[in-house]
Amino acid sequence: MASIRKLKKEINNVLSEIIEDCYVCQLNSDDKISAKAEKIIDEAISTFDELIVKLHLKDVEDQKAHLRSLRADLSKKSSNLSDKIKKLTS
């Protein structure tokens, strides 16, 4: 159970940082970029919801492999969102 708890915190922290970066981007930009940042925020929230649903699946055969794949999925999606934010700020 401890690894599930740690993964929940990791998901929350990583995606919260991405949302916070979007808010900073919105404060420092015009309305067009702000609207794009809002879409990234929506995507981060849907990613959070998706990962939490996958985390709470009960009928998983190999729990360790499942958690490992969720961590990899989080890493891939968070780097994708971070790249989108970098494109907005450059």
PDB file of N, CA and C in Angstrom:
ATOM      1  N   MET A   1       0.807  -1.202   0.000  1.00  0.00           N
ATOM      2  CA  MET A   1       0.000   0.000   0.000  1.00  0.00           C
ATOM      3  C   MET A   1       0.851   1.267   0.000  1.00  0.00           C
ATOM      4  N   ALA A   2       2.019   1.192   0.595  1.00  0.00           N
ATOM      5  CA  ALA A   2       2.843   2.396   0.684  1.00  0.00           C
ATOM      6  C   ALA A   2       3.254   2.891  -0.693  1.00  0.00           C
ATOM      7  N   SER A   3       3.521   1.974  -1.615  1.00  0.00           N
ATOM      8  CA  SER A   3       3.930   2.411  -2.944  1.00  0.00           C
ATOM      9  C   SER A   3       2.764   3.051  -3.700  1.00  0.00           C
ATOM     10  N   ILE A   4       1.553   2.601  -3.432  1.00  0.00           N
ATOM     11  CA  ILE A   4       0.379   3.238  -4.042  1.00  0.00           C
ATOM     12  C   ILE A   4       0.247   4.657  -3.517  1.00  0.00           C
ATOM     13  N   ARG A   5       0.431   4.822  -2.240  1.00  0.00           N
ATOM     14  CA  ARG A   5       0.345   6.144  -1.627  1.00  0.00           C
ATOM     15  C   ARG A   5       1.423   7.074  -2.185  1.00  0.00           C
ATOM     16  N   LYS A   6       2.638   6.549  -2.335  1.00  0.00           N
ATOM     17  CA  LYS A   6       3.723   7.359  -2.890  1.00  0.00           C
ATOM     18  C   LYS A   6       3.446   7.738  -4.333  1.00  0.00           C
ATOM     19  N   LEU A   7       2.900   6.808  -5.101  1.00  0.00           N
ATOM     20  CA  LEU A   7       2.591   7.096  -6.496  1.00  0.00           C
ATOM     21  C   LEU A   7       1.478   8.136  -6.609  1.00  0.00           C
ATOM     22  N   LYS A   8       0.492   8.062  -5.739  1.00  0.00           N
ATOM     23  CA  LYS A   8      -0.570   9.092  -5.727  1.00  0.00           C
ATOM     24  C   LYS A   8       0.035  10.470  -5.481  1.00  0.00           C
ATOM     25  N   LYS A   9       0.923  10.549  -4.498  1.00  0.00           N
ATOM     26  CA  LYS A   9       1.569  11.828  -4.193  1.00  0.00           C
ATOM     27  C   LYS A   9       2.421  12.300  -5.362  1.00  0.00           C
ATOM     28  N   GLU A  10       3.120  11.368  -6.002  1.00  0.00           N
ATOM     29  CA  GLU A  10       3.965  11.716  -7.140  1.00  0.00           C
ATOM     30  C   GLU A  10       3.128  12.253  -8.298  1.00  0.00           C
ATOM     31  N   ILE A  11       2.014  11.582  -8.579  1.00  0.00           N
ATOM     32  CA  ILE A  11       1.109  12.040  -9.638  1.00  0.00           C
ATOM     33  C   ILE A  11       0.611  13.440  -9.322  1.00  0.00           C
ATOM     34  N   ASN A  12       0.165  13.625  -8.096  1.00  0.00           N
ATOM     35  CA  ASN A  12      -0.370  14.918  -7.685  1.00  0.00           C
ATOM     36  C   ASN A  12       0.693  16.014  -7.770  1.00  0.00           C
ATOM     37  N   ASN A  13       1.893  15.733  -7.285  1.00  0.00           N
ATOM     38  CA  ASN A  13       2.950  16.743  -7.276  1.00  0.00           C
ATOM     39  C   ASN A  13       3.396  17.124  -8.682  1.00  0.00           C
ATOM     40  N   VAL A  14       3.610  16.130  -9.525  1.00  0.00           N
ATOM     41  CA  VAL A  14       4.103  16.397 -10.878  1.00  0.00           C
ATOM     42  C   VAL A  14       3.084  17.211 -11.669  1.00  0.00           C
ATOM     43  N   LEU A  15       1.834  16.786 -11.629  1.00  0.00           N
ATOM     44  CA  LEU A  15       0.823  17.494 -12.415  1.00  0.00           C
ATOM     45  C   LEU A  15       0.470  18.846 -11.806  1.00  0.00           C
ATOM     46  N   SER A  16       0.602  18.980 -10.496  1.00  0.00           N
ATOM     47  CA  SER A  16       0.389  20.288  -9.861  1.00  0.00           C
ATOM     48  C   SER A  16       1.454  21.288 -10.293  1.00  0.00           C
ATOM     49  N   GLU A  17       2.693  20.820 -10.418  1.00  0.00           N
ATOM     50  CA  GLU A  17       3.765  21.697 -10.884  1.00  0.00           C
ATOM     51  C   GLU A  17       3.517  22.154 -12.319  1.00  0.00           C
ATOM     52  N   ILE A  18       3.013  21.264 -13.139  1.00  0.00           N
ATOM     53  CA  ILE A  18       2.718  21.623 -14.530  1.00  0.00           C
ATOM     54  C   ILE A  18       1.610  22.671 -14.571  1.00  0.00           C
ATOM     55  N   ILE A  19       0.585  22.485 -13.762  1.00  0.00           N
ATOM     56  CA  ILE A  19      -0.513  23.452 -13.719  1.00  0.00           C
ATOM     57  C   ILE A  19      -0.012  24.791 -13.194  1.00  0.00           C
ATOM     58  N   GLU A  20       0.855  24.758 -12.206  1.00  0.00           N
ATOM     59  CA  GLU A  20       1.416  25.995 -11.667  1.00  0.00           C
ATOM     60  C   GLU A  20       2.244  26.725 -12.729  1.00  0.00           C
ATOM     61  N   ASP A  21       3.008  25.982 -13.507  1.00  0.00           N
ATOM     62  CA  ASP A  21       3.777  26.592 -14.600  1.00  0.00           C
ATOM     63  C   ASP A  21       2.852  27.241 -15.626  1.00  0.00           C
ATOM     64  N   CYS A  22       1.711  26.616 -15.872  1.00  0.00           N
ATOM     65  CA  CYS A  22       0.731  27.192 -16.797  1.00  0.00           C
ATOM     66  C   CYS A  22       0.167  28.491 -16.246  1.00  0.00           C
ATOM     67  N   TYR A  23      -0.085  28.531 -14.947  1.00  0.00           N
ATOM     68  CA  TYR A  23      -0.589  29.761 -14.342  1.00  0.00           C
ATOM     69  C   TYR A  23       0.430  30.886 -14.459  1.00  0.00           C
ATOM     70  N   VAL A  24       1.696  30.574 -14.248  1.00  0.00           N
ATOM     71  CA  VAL A  24       2.747  31.581 -14.392  1.00  0.00           C
ATOM     72  C   VAL A  24       2.802  32.064 -15.838  1.00  0.00           C
ATOM     73  N   CYS A  25       2.674  31.135 -16.768  1.00  0.00           N
ATOM     74  CA  CYS A  25       2.674  31.488 -18.185  1.00  0.00           C
ATOM     75  C   CYS A  25       1.490  32.402 -18.513  1.00  0.00           C
ATOM     76  N   GLN A  26       0.340  32.133 -17.916  1.00  0.00           N
ATOM     77  CA  GLN A  26      -0.837  32.964 -18.152  1.00  0.00           C
ATOM     78  C   GLN A  26      -0.642  34.372 -17.615  1.00  0.00           C
ATOM     79  N   LEU A  27       0.022  34.494 -16.485  1.00  0.00           N
ATOM     80  CA  LEU A  27       0.236  35.813 -15.903  1.00  0.00           C
ATOM     81  C   LEU A  27       1.172  36.672 -16.743  1.00  0.00           C
ATOM     82  N   ASN A  28       2.097  36.018 -17.435  1.00  0.00           N
ATOM     83  CA  ASN A  28       3.124  36.747 -18.171  1.00  0.00           C
ATOM     84  C   ASN A  28       2.872  36.825 -19.671  1.00  0.00           C
ATOM     85  N   SER A  29       1.650  36.568 -20.109  1.00  0.00           N
ATOM     86  CA  SER A  29       1.422  36.524 -21.555  1.00  0.00           C
ATOM     87  C   SER A  29       0.089  37.169 -21.932  1.00  0.00           C
ATOM     88  N   ASP A  30      -0.167  37.173 -23.243  1.00  0.00           N
ATOM     89  CA  ASP A  30      -1.399  37.753 -23.751  1.00  0.00           C
ATOM     90  C   ASP A  30      -2.531  36.713 -23.737  1.00  0.00           C
ATOM     91  N   ASP A  31      -3.696  37.128 -24.229  1.00  0.00           N
ATOM     92  CA  ASP A  31      -4.880  36.269 -24.158  1.00  0.00           C
ATOM     93  C   ASP A  31      -4.767  35.019 -25.027  1.00  0.00           C
ATOM     94  N   LYS A  32      -4.101  35.118 -26.145  1.00  0.00           N
ATOM     95  CA  LYS A  32      -3.973  33.972 -27.046  1.00  0.00           C
ATOM     96  C   LYS A  32      -3.148  32.860 -26.401  1.00  0.00           C
ATOM     97  N   ILE A  33      -2.021  33.226 -25.828  1.00  0.00           N
ATOM     98  CA  ILE A  33      -1.177  32.242 -25.148  1.00  0.00           C
ATOM     99  C   ILE A  33      -1.861  31.755 -23.875  1.00  0.00           C
ATOM    100  N   SER A  34      -2.585  32.635 -23.221  1.00  0.00           N
ATOM    101  CA  SER A  34      -3.308  32.266 -22.014  1.00  0.00           C
ATOM    102  C   SER A  34      -4.360  31.194 -22.302  1.00  0.00           C
ATOM    103  N   ALA A  35      -5.026  31.304 -23.437  1.00  0.00           N
ATOM    104  CA  ALA A  35      -6.025  30.295 -23.819  1.00  0.00           C
ATOM    105  C   ALA A  35      -5.356  28.952 -24.094  1.00  0.00           C
ATOM    106  N   LYS A  36      -4.187  28.975 -24.708  1.00  0.00           N
ATOM    107  CA  LYS A  36      -3.454  27.732 -24.955  1.00  0.00           C
ATOM    108  C   LYS A  36      -2.995  27.105 -23.643  1.00  0.00           C
ATOM    109  N   ALA A  37      -2.581  27.939 -22.700  1.00  0.00           N
ATOM    110  CA  ALA A  37      -2.171  27.433 -21.387  1.00  0.00           C
ATOM    111  C   ALA A  37      -3.356  26.818 -20.658  1.00  0.00           C
ATOM    112  N   GLU A  38      -4.527  27.386 -20.842  1.00  0.00           N
ATOM    113  CA  GLU A  38      -5.738  26.830 -20.230  1.00  0.00           C
ATOM    114  C   GLU A  38      -6.028  25.432 -20.766  1.00  0.00           C
ATOM    115  N   LYS A  39      -5.777  25.225 -22.062  1.00  0.00           N
ATOM    116  CA  LYS A  39      -5.964  23.895 -22.645  1.00  0.00           C
ATOM    117  C   LYS A  39      -4.971  22.897 -22.052  1.00  0.00           C
ATOM    118  N   ILE A  40      -3.755  23.344 -21.792  1.00  0.00           N
ATOM    119  CA  ILE A  40      -2.755  22.473 -21.179  1.00  0.00           C
ATOM    120  C   ILE A  40      -3.179  22.115 -19.756  1.00  0.00           C
ATOM    121  N   ILE A  41      -3.755  23.078 -19.046  1.00  0.00           N
ATOM    122  CA  ILE A  41      -4.256  22.813 -17.700  1.00  0.00           C
ATOM    123  C   ILE A  41      -5.358  21.761 -17.755  1.00  0.00           C
ATOM    124  N   ASP A  42      -6.282  21.902 -18.698  1.00  0.00           N
ATOM    125  CA  ASP A  42      -7.352  20.916 -18.845  1.00  0.00           C
ATOM    126  C   ASP A  42      -6.797  19.528 -19.165  1.00  0.00           C
ATOM    127  N   GLU A  43      -5.772  19.493 -19.993  1.00  0.00           N
ATOM    128  CA  GLU A  43      -5.144  18.218 -20.339  1.00  0.00           C
ATOM    129  C   GLU A  43      -4.442  17.597 -19.124  1.00  0.00           C
ATOM    130  N   ALA A  44      -3.822  18.428 -18.296  1.00  0.00           N
ATOM    131  CA  ALA A  44      -3.166  17.933 -17.084  1.00  0.00           C
ATOM    132  C   ALA A  44      -4.189  17.363 -16.108  1.00  0.00           C
ATOM    133  N   ILE A  45      -5.329  18.021 -15.995  1.00  0.00           N
ATOM    134  CA  ILE A  45      -6.379  17.536 -15.100  1.00  0.00           C
ATOM    135  C   ILE A  45      -6.947  16.216 -15.606  1.00  0.00           C
ATOM    136  N   SER A  46      -7.172  16.105 -16.908  1.00  0.00           N
ATOM    137  CA  SER A  46      -7.688  14.845 -17.443  1.00  0.00           C
ATOM    138  C   SER A  46      -6.645  13.731 -17.312  1.00  0.00           C
ATOM    139  N   THR A  47      -5.368  14.067 -17.434  1.00  0.00           N
ATOM    140  CA  THR A  47      -4.303  13.089 -17.225  1.00  0.00           C
ATOM    141  C   THR A  47      -4.306  12.612 -15.781  1.00  0.00           C
ATOM    142  N   PHE A  48      -4.472  13.539 -14.851  1.00  0.00           N
ATOM    143  CA  PHE A  48      -4.553  13.181 -13.433  1.00  0.00           C
ATOM    144  C   PHE A  48      -5.705  12.213 -13.198  1.00  0.00           C
ATOM    145  N   ASP A  49      -6.878  12.553 -13.713  1.00  0.00           N
ATOM    146  CA  ASP A  49      -8.044  11.695 -13.519  1.00  0.00           C
ATOM    147  C   ASP A  49      -7.822  10.305 -14.114  1.00  0.00           C
ATOM    148  N   GLU A  50      -7.239  10.269 -15.296  1.00  0.00           N
ATOM    149  CA  GLU A  50      -6.982   9.003 -15.983  1.00  0.00           C
ATOM    150  C   GLU A  50      -6.017   8.122 -15.181  1.00  0.00           C
ATOM    151  N   LEU A  51      -4.945   8.722 -14.689  1.00  0.00           N
ATOM    152  CA  LEU A  51      -3.954   7.948 -13.945  1.00  0.00           C
ATOM    153  C   LEU A  51      -4.498   7.462 -12.604  1.00  0.00           C
ATOM    154  N   ILE A  52      -5.294   8.271 -11.935  1.00  0.00           N
ATOM    155  CA  ILE A  52      -5.872   7.859 -10.653  1.00  0.00           C
ATOM    156  C   ILE A  52      -6.849   6.705 -10.863  1.00  0.00           C
ATOM    157  N   VAL A  53      -7.633   6.753 -11.933  1.00  0.00           N
ATOM    158  CA  VAL A  53      -8.549   5.647 -12.220  1.00  0.00           C
ATOM    159  C   VAL A  53      -7.765   4.362 -12.467  1.00  0.00           C
ATOM    160  N   LYS A  54      -6.697   4.468 -13.252  1.00  0.00           N
ATOM    161  CA  LYS A  54      -5.861   3.292 -13.520  1.00  0.00           C
ATOM    162  C   LYS A  54      -5.189   2.791 -12.245  1.00  0.00           C
ATOM    163  N   LEU A  55      -4.823   3.699 -11.355  1.00  0.00           N
ATOM    164  CA  LEU A  55      -4.162   3.326 -10.112  1.00  0.00           C
ATOM    165  C   LEU A  55      -5.072   2.499  -9.216  1.00  0.00           C
ATOM    166  N   HIS A  56      -6.364   2.799  -9.241  1.00  0.00           N
ATOM    167  CA  HIS A  56      -7.307   2.140  -8.353  1.00  0.00           C
ATOM    168  C   HIS A  56      -7.957   0.892  -8.941  1.00  0.00           C
ATOM    169  N   LEU A  57      -7.442   0.408 -10.056  1.00  0.00           N
ATOM    170  CA  LEU A  57      -7.972  -0.831 -10.614  1.00  0.00           C
ATOM    171  C   LEU A  57      -7.710  -1.977  -9.641  1.00  0.00           C
ATOM    172  N   LYS A  58      -8.723  -2.792  -9.412  1.00  0.00           N
ATOM    173  CA  LYS A  58      -8.609  -3.871  -8.423  1.00  0.00           C
ATOM    174  C   LYS A  58      -8.183  -5.198  -9.038  1.00  0.00           C
ATOM    175  N   ASP A  59      -8.535  -5.442 -10.282  1.00  0.00           N
ATOM    176  CA  ASP A  59      -8.274  -6.750 -10.882  1.00  0.00           C
ATOM    177  C   ASP A  59      -6.969  -6.763 -11.680  1.00  0.00           C
ATOM    178  N   VAL A  60      -5.886  -6.370 -11.028  1.00  0.00           N
ATOM    179  CA  VAL A  60      -4.571  -6.335 -11.657  1.00  0.00           C
ATOM    180  C   VAL A  60      -3.809  -7.573 -11.193  1.00  0.00           C
ATOM    181  N   GLU A  61      -3.238  -8.302 -12.137  1.00  0.00           N
ATOM    182  CA  GLU A  61      -2.528  -9.527 -11.785  1.00  0.00           C
ATOM    183  C   GLU A  61      -1.191  -9.248 -11.112  1.00  0.00           C
ATOM    184  N   ASP A  62      -0.375  -8.404 -11.731  1.00  0.00           N
ATOM    185  CA  ASP A  62       0.950  -8.081 -11.200  1.00  0.00           C
ATOM    186  C   ASP A  62       0.971  -6.616 -10.774  1.00  0.00           C
ATOM    187  N   GLN A  63       0.824  -6.388  -9.475  1.00  0.00           N
ATOM    188  CA  GLN A  63       0.715  -5.029  -8.945  1.00  0.00           C
ATOM    189  C   GLN A  63       1.980  -4.212  -9.202  1.00  0.00           C
ATOM    190  N   LYS A  64       3.141  -4.822  -9.029  1.00  0.00           N
ATOM    191  CA  LYS A  64       4.398  -4.082  -9.229  1.00  0.00           C
ATOM    192  C   LYS A  64       4.555  -3.634 -10.676  1.00  0.00           C
ATOM    193  N   ALA A  65       4.255  -4.514 -11.599  1.00  0.00           N
ATOM    194  CA  ALA A  65       4.363  -4.160 -13.016  1.00  0.00           C
ATOM    195  C   ALA A  65       3.352  -3.084 -13.378  1.00  0.00           C
ATOM    196  N   HIS A  66       2.174  -3.163 -12.788  1.00  0.00           N
ATOM    197  CA  HIS A  66       1.129  -2.163 -13.035  1.00  0.00           C
ATOM    198  C   HIS A  66       1.595  -0.786 -12.559  1.00  0.00           C
ATOM    199  N   LEU A  67       2.150  -0.726 -11.360  1.00  0.00           N
ATOM    200  CA  LEU A  67       2.625   0.553 -10.821  1.00  0.00           C
ATOM    201  C   LEU A  67       3.810   1.084 -11.629  1.00  0.00           C
ATOM    202  N   ARG A  68       4.676   0.184 -12.077  1.00  0.00           N
ATOM    203  CA  ARG A  68       5.803   0.587 -12.904  1.00  0.00           C
ATOM    204  C   ARG A  68       5.321   1.203 -14.218  1.00  0.00           C
ATOM    205  N   SER A  69       4.313   0.594 -14.815  1.00  0.00           N
ATOM    206  CA  SER A  69       3.790   1.129 -16.077  1.00  0.00           C
ATOM    207  C   SER A  69       3.096   2.469 -15.860  1.00  0.00           C
ATOM    208  N   LEU A  70       2.455   2.641 -14.712  1.00  0.00           N
ATOM    209  CA  LEU A  70       1.825   3.930 -14.405  1.00  0.00           C
ATOM    210  C   LEU A  70       2.881   5.022 -14.223  1.00  0.00           C
ATOM    211  N   ARG A  71       3.978   4.682 -13.568  1.00  0.00           N
ATOM    212  CA  ARG A  71       5.064   5.664 -13.407  1.00  0.00           C
ATOM    213  C   ARG A  71       5.641   6.063 -14.762  1.00  0.00           C
ATOM    214  N   ALA A  72       5.804   5.087 -15.632  1.00  0.00           N
ATOM    215  CA  ALA A  72       6.328   5.376 -16.972  1.00  0.00           C
ATOM    216  C   ALA A  72       5.343   6.237 -17.749  1.00  0.00           C
ATOM    217  N   ASP A  73       4.063   5.941 -17.608  1.00  0.00           N
ATOM    218  CA  ASP A  73       3.023   6.721 -18.279  1.00  0.00           C
ATOM    219  C   ASP A  73       3.007   8.153 -17.756  1.00  0.00           C
ATOM    220  N   LEU A  74       3.142   8.316 -16.445  1.00  0.00           N
ATOM    221  CA  LEU A  74       3.206   9.645 -15.841  1.00  0.00           C
ATOM    222  C   LEU A  74       4.406  10.418 -16.373  1.00  0.00           C
ATOM    223  N   SER A  75       5.530   9.756 -16.445  1.00  0.00           N
ATOM    224  CA  SER A  75       6.741  10.415 -16.938  1.00  0.00           C
ATOM    225  C   SER A  75       6.572  10.876 -18.384  1.00  0.00           C
ATOM    226  N   LYS A  76       6.031  10.014 -19.216  1.00  0.00           N
ATOM    227  CA  LYS A  76       5.852  10.342 -20.631  1.00  0.00           C
ATOM    228  C   LYS A  76       4.873  11.499 -20.809  1.00  0.00           C
ATOM    229  N   LYS A  77       3.741  11.427 -20.123  1.00  0.00           N
ATOM    230  CA  LYS A  77       2.720  12.461 -20.278  1.00  0.00           C
ATOM    231  C   LYS A  77       3.154  13.790 -19.669  1.00  0.00           C
ATOM    232  N   SER A  78       3.855  13.740 -18.544  1.00  0.00           N
ATOM    233  CA  SER A  78       4.297  14.991 -17.928  1.00  0.00           C
ATOM    234  C   SER A  78       5.380  15.663 -18.773  1.00  0.00           C
ATOM    235  N   SER A  79       6.264  14.885 -19.381  1.00  0.00           N
ATOM    236  CA  SER A  79       7.268  15.502 -20.237  1.00  0.00           C
ATOM    237  C   SER A  79       6.625  16.091 -21.491  1.00  0.00           C
ATOM    238  N   ASN A  80       5.591  15.445 -21.981  1.00  0.00           N
ATOM    239  CA  ASN A  80       4.848  15.973 -23.129  1.00  0.00           C
ATOM    240  C   ASN A  80       4.196  17.310 -22.770  1.00  0.00           C
ATOM    241  N   LEU A  81       3.574  17.380 -21.604  1.00  0.00           N
ATOM    242  CA  LEU A  81       2.938  18.627 -21.165  1.00  0.00           C
ATOM    243  C   LEU A  81       3.982  19.716 -20.917  1.00  0.00           C
ATOM    244  N   SER A  82       5.125  19.347 -20.349  1.00  0.00           N
ATOM    245  CA  SER A  82       6.184  20.319 -20.117  1.00  0.00           C
ATOM    246  C   SER A  82       6.740  20.875 -21.415  1.00  0.00           C
ATOM    247  N   ASP A  83       6.847  20.017 -22.420  1.00  0.00           N
ATOM    248  CA  ASP A  83       7.301  20.482 -23.743  1.00  0.00           C
ATOM    249  C   ASP A  83       6.316  21.485 -24.336  1.00  0.00           C
ATOM    250  N   LYS A  84       5.028  21.247 -24.143  1.00  0.00           N
ATOM    251  CA  LYS A  84       4.015  22.190 -24.642  1.00  0.00           C
ATOM    252  C   LYS A  84       4.141  23.542 -23.953  1.00  0.00           C
ATOM    253  N   ILE A  85       4.423  23.525 -22.652  1.00  0.00           N
ATOM    254  CA  ILE A  85       4.587  24.779 -21.903  1.00  0.00           C
ATOM    255  C   ILE A  85       5.833  25.514 -22.394  1.00  0.00           C
ATOM    256  N   LYS A  86       6.914  24.773 -22.642  1.00  0.00           N
ATOM    257  CA  LYS A  86       8.144  25.406 -23.149  1.00  0.00           C
ATOM    258  C   LYS A  86       7.914  26.056 -24.501  1.00  0.00           C
ATOM    259  N   LYS A  87       7.107  25.437 -25.344  1.00  0.00           N
ATOM    260  CA  LYS A  87       6.803  26.029 -26.640  1.00  0.00           C
ATOM    261  C   LYS A  87       6.025  27.327 -26.480  1.00  0.00           C
ATOM    262  N   LEU A  88       5.151  27.388 -25.473  1.00  0.00           N
ATOM    263  CA  LEU A  88       4.388  28.623 -25.234  1.00  0.00           C
ATOM    264  C   LEU A  88       5.281  29.759 -24.751  1.00  0.00           C
ATOM    265  N   THR A  89       6.241  29.432 -23.921  1.00  0.00           N
ATOM    266  CA  THR A  89       7.061  30.480 -23.330  1.00  0.00           C
ATOM    267  C   THR A  89       8.200  30.937 -24.242  1.00  0.00           C
ATOM    268  N   SER A  90       8.513  30.154 -25.295  1.00  0.00           N
ATOM    269  CA  SER A  90       9.595  30.592 -26.167  1.00  0.00           C
ATOM    270  C   SER A  90       9.110  31.412 -27.325  1.00  0.00           C
TER     271      SER A  90
END
